[in-house]
Amino acid sequence: MRPDVRTHLEWIRLAIEEMEQYAPLVGGFAAFKADRAKQLIVERCLIVIGEAVVRIGREAPELPLSEMKKIIMARNIIVHDYERVSIDILFIIYDRHIPLLKSEVEALLK
């Protein structure tokens, strides 16, 4: 694996770790909805993840990451179309999709 691709994977891993550390999903959706700081942390981390995936797509499009296009689309919405950002969608991405991405990134980094 090329060093720059490995660096992008490390950025994804770090962003996921930061979400888990600073915005844990303790208390489910109700707690997440009530905590604006957690929402902002997740938004920021999803931007970092999305940008890393954009760069991976350019440099190593064959890399087996699920939902690359959806990750990039989510990043673009958060950055450019922020009035469409929904707390519900942020929670769903974090709760349902980030665990798969985390396991894929960890496997690629081994």
C-alpha atoms as a PDB file:
ATOM      1  CA  MET A   1       0.000   0.000   0.000  1.00  0.00           C
ATOM      2  CA  ARG A   2       1.279   3.429  -0.924  1.00  0.00           C
ATOM      3  CA  PRO A   3       2.265   5.621   2.041  1.00  0.00           C
ATOM      4  CA  ASP A   4      -0.157   8.428   1.113  1.00  0.00           C
ATOM      5  CA  VAL A   5      -3.096   5.993   0.966  1.00  0.00           C
ATOM      6  CA  ARG A   6      -2.071   4.586   4.334  1.00  0.00           C
ATOM      7  CA  THR A   7      -2.047   8.156   5.709  1.00  0.00           C
ATOM      8  CA  HIS A   8      -5.612   8.738   4.489  1.00  0.00           C
ATOM      9  CA  LEU A   9      -6.722   5.487   6.121  1.00  0.00           C
ATOM     10  CA  GLU A  10      -5.055   6.602   9.352  1.00  0.00           C
ATOM     11  CA  TRP A  11      -7.004   9.888   9.188  1.00  0.00           C
ATOM     12  CA  ILE A  12     -10.232   7.910   8.855  1.00  0.00           C
ATOM     13  CA  ARG A  13      -9.265   5.697  11.797  1.00  0.00           C
ATOM     14  CA  LEU A  14      -8.404   8.745  13.910  1.00  0.00           C
ATOM     15  CA  ALA A  15     -11.670  10.536  13.052  1.00  0.00           C
ATOM     16  CA  ILE A  16     -13.659   7.457  14.073  1.00  0.00           C
ATOM     17  CA  GLU A  17     -11.690   7.182  17.328  1.00  0.00           C
ATOM     18  CA  GLU A  18     -12.389  10.844  18.057  1.00  0.00           C
ATOM     19  CA  MET A  19     -16.120  10.378  17.431  1.00  0.00           C
ATOM     20  CA  GLU A  20     -16.146   7.431  19.795  1.00  0.00           C
ATOM     21  CA  GLN A  21     -14.129   9.287  22.438  1.00  0.00           C
ATOM     22  CA  TYR A  22     -15.707  12.743  22.326  1.00  0.00           C
ATOM     23  CA  ALA A  23     -19.218  11.917  21.089  1.00  0.00           C
ATOM     24  CA  PRO A  24     -20.063   8.417  22.298  1.00  0.00           C
ATOM     25  CA  LEU A  25     -23.529   7.151  21.432  1.00  0.00           C
ATOM     26  CA  VAL A  26     -24.441   6.540  25.059  1.00  0.00           C
ATOM     27  CA  GLY A  27     -28.149   7.178  25.565  1.00  0.00           C
ATOM     28  CA  GLY A  28     -29.142   6.555  21.963  1.00  0.00           C
ATOM     29  CA  PHE A  29     -30.781   9.005  19.610  1.00  0.00           C
ATOM     30  CA  ALA A  30     -32.493  11.083  22.301  1.00  0.00           C
ATOM     31  CA  ALA A  31     -29.176  11.875  23.987  1.00  0.00           C
ATOM     32  CA  PHE A  32     -27.511  12.607  20.645  1.00  0.00           C
ATOM     33  CA  LYS A  33     -30.351  14.916  19.578  1.00  0.00           C
ATOM     34  CA  ALA A  34     -30.068  16.852  22.833  1.00  0.00           C
ATOM     35  CA  ASP A  35     -26.285  17.339  22.624  1.00  0.00           C
ATOM     36  CA  ARG A  36     -25.246  19.927  20.032  1.00  0.00           C
ATOM     37  CA  ALA A  37     -21.557  19.449  20.852  1.00  0.00           C
ATOM     38  CA  LYS A  38     -21.766  15.762  19.917  1.00  0.00           C
ATOM     39  CA  GLN A  39     -23.507  16.661  16.676  1.00  0.00           C
ATOM     40  CA  LEU A  40     -20.772  19.131  15.761  1.00  0.00           C
ATOM     41  CA  ILE A  41     -18.032  16.619  16.574  1.00  0.00           C
ATOM     42  CA  VAL A  42     -19.689  14.019  14.361  1.00  0.00           C
ATOM     43  CA  GLU A  43     -20.121  16.541  11.532  1.00  0.00           C
ATOM     44  CA  ARG A  44     -16.440  17.508  11.699  1.00  0.00           C
ATOM     45  CA  CYS A  45     -15.271  13.901  11.799  1.00  0.00           C
ATOM     46  CA  LEU A  46     -17.505  12.983   8.854  1.00  0.00           C
ATOM     47  CA  ILE A  47     -15.968  15.842   6.869  1.00  0.00           C
ATOM     48  CA  VAL A  48     -12.475  14.491   7.593  1.00  0.00           C
ATOM     49  CA  ILE A  49     -13.560  10.953   6.698  1.00  0.00           C
ATOM     50  CA  GLY A  50     -15.204  12.141   3.497  1.00  0.00           C
ATOM     51  CA  GLU A  51     -12.159  14.115   2.387  1.00  0.00           C
ATOM     52  CA  ALA A  52      -9.882  11.152   3.092  1.00  0.00           C
ATOM     53  CA  VAL A  53     -12.175   8.928   1.021  1.00  0.00           C
ATOM     54  CA  VAL A  54     -12.094  11.466  -1.846  1.00  0.00           C
ATOM     55  CA  ARG A  55      -8.300  11.288  -1.844  1.00  0.00           C
ATOM     56  CA  ILE A  56      -8.276   7.494  -1.591  1.00  0.00           C
ATOM     57  CA  GLY A  57     -10.667   7.373  -4.537  1.00  0.00           C
ATOM     58  CA  ARG A  58      -8.223   9.399  -6.609  1.00  0.00           C
ATOM     59  CA  GLU A  59      -5.101   7.517  -5.564  1.00  0.00           C
ATOM     60  CA  ALA A  60      -6.361   3.965  -5.042  1.00  0.00           C
ATOM     61  CA  PRO A  61      -9.900   3.532  -6.416  1.00  0.00           C
ATOM     62  CA  GLU A  62      -9.498  -0.243  -6.208  1.00  0.00           C
ATOM     63  CA  LEU A  63      -9.364  -0.111  -2.401  1.00  0.00           C
ATOM     64  CA  PRO A  64     -12.253  -2.151  -0.985  1.00  0.00           C
ATOM     65  CA  LEU A  65     -14.103   0.466   1.059  1.00  0.00           C
ATOM     66  CA  SER A  66     -17.892   0.120   1.142  1.00  0.00           C
ATOM     67  CA  GLU A  67     -20.087   3.029   0.164  1.00  0.00           C
ATOM     68  CA  MET A  68     -17.311   5.348  -1.018  1.00  0.00           C
ATOM     69  CA  LYS A  69     -19.729   7.395  -3.115  1.00  0.00           C
ATOM     70  CA  LYS A  70     -22.200   7.747  -0.235  1.00  0.00           C
ATOM     71  CA  ILE A  71     -19.420   8.811   2.153  1.00  0.00           C
ATOM     72  CA  ILE A  72     -18.306  11.488  -0.303  1.00  0.00           C
ATOM     73  CA  MET A  73     -21.902  12.595  -0.863  1.00  0.00           C
ATOM     74  CA  ALA A  74     -22.467  12.936   2.908  1.00  0.00           C
ATOM     75  CA  ARG A  75     -19.296  15.024   3.204  1.00  0.00           C
ATOM     76  CA  ASN A  76     -20.421  17.275   0.354  1.00  0.00           C
ATOM     77  CA  ILE A  77     -23.830  17.823   1.940  1.00  0.00           C
ATOM     78  CA  ILE A  78     -22.292  18.704   5.314  1.00  0.00           C
ATOM     79  CA  VAL A  79     -19.824  21.123   3.723  1.00  0.00           C
ATOM     80  CA  HIS A  80     -21.814  22.686   0.892  1.00  0.00           C
ATOM     81  CA  ASP A  81     -25.494  22.078   1.559  1.00  0.00           C
ATOM     82  CA  TYR A  82     -25.461  22.305   5.348  1.00  0.00           C
ATOM     83  CA  GLU A  83     -29.112  23.361   5.680  1.00  0.00           C
ATOM     84  CA  ARG A  84     -29.979  19.806   4.575  1.00  0.00           C
ATOM     85  CA  VAL A  85     -27.935  18.238   7.389  1.00  0.00           C
ATOM     86  CA  SER A  86     -30.284  16.309   9.600  1.00  0.00           C
ATOM     87  CA  ILE A  87     -29.565  15.169  13.141  1.00  0.00           C
ATOM     88  CA  ASP A  88     -31.393  11.948  12.280  1.00  0.00           C
ATOM     89  CA  ILE A  89     -29.091  11.273   9.332  1.00  0.00           C
ATOM     90  CA  LEU A  90     -25.944  12.105  11.321  1.00  0.00           C
ATOM     91  CA  PHE A  91     -27.038   9.621  13.970  1.00  0.00           C
ATOM     92  CA  ILE A  92     -27.852   6.901  11.423  1.00  0.00           C
ATOM     93  CA  ILE A  93     -24.502   7.322   9.684  1.00  0.00           C
ATOM     94  CA  TYR A  94     -22.639   7.156  12.985  1.00  0.00           C
ATOM     95  CA  ASP A  95     -24.669   4.327  14.482  1.00  0.00           C
ATOM     96  CA  ARG A  96     -25.117   2.070  11.443  1.00  0.00           C
ATOM     97  CA  HIS A  97     -22.412   2.847   8.912  1.00  0.00           C
ATOM     98  CA  ILE A  98     -19.332   3.947  10.832  1.00  0.00           C
ATOM     99  CA  PRO A  99     -18.849   0.514  12.508  1.00  0.00           C
ATOM    100  CA  LEU A 100     -18.497  -1.160   9.078  1.00  0.00           C
ATOM    101  CA  LEU A 101     -16.112   1.532   7.853  1.00  0.00           C
ATOM    102  CA  LYS A 102     -14.082   1.155  11.035  1.00  0.00           C
ATOM    103  CA  SER A 103     -13.683  -2.598  10.560  1.00  0.00           C
ATOM    104  CA  GLU A 104     -12.741  -2.173   6.883  1.00  0.00           C
ATOM    105  CA  VAL A 105     -10.130   0.486   7.672  1.00  0.00           C
ATOM    106  CA  GLU A 106      -8.648  -1.559  10.512  1.00  0.00           C
ATOM    107  CA  ALA A 107      -8.355  -4.586   8.213  1.00  0.00           C
ATOM    108  CA  LEU A 108      -6.641  -2.525   5.500  1.00  0.00           C
ATOM    109  CA  LEU A 109      -4.180  -1.037   7.976  1.00  0.00           C
ATOM    110  CA  LYS A 110      -3.055  -4.474   9.226  1.00  0.00           C
END
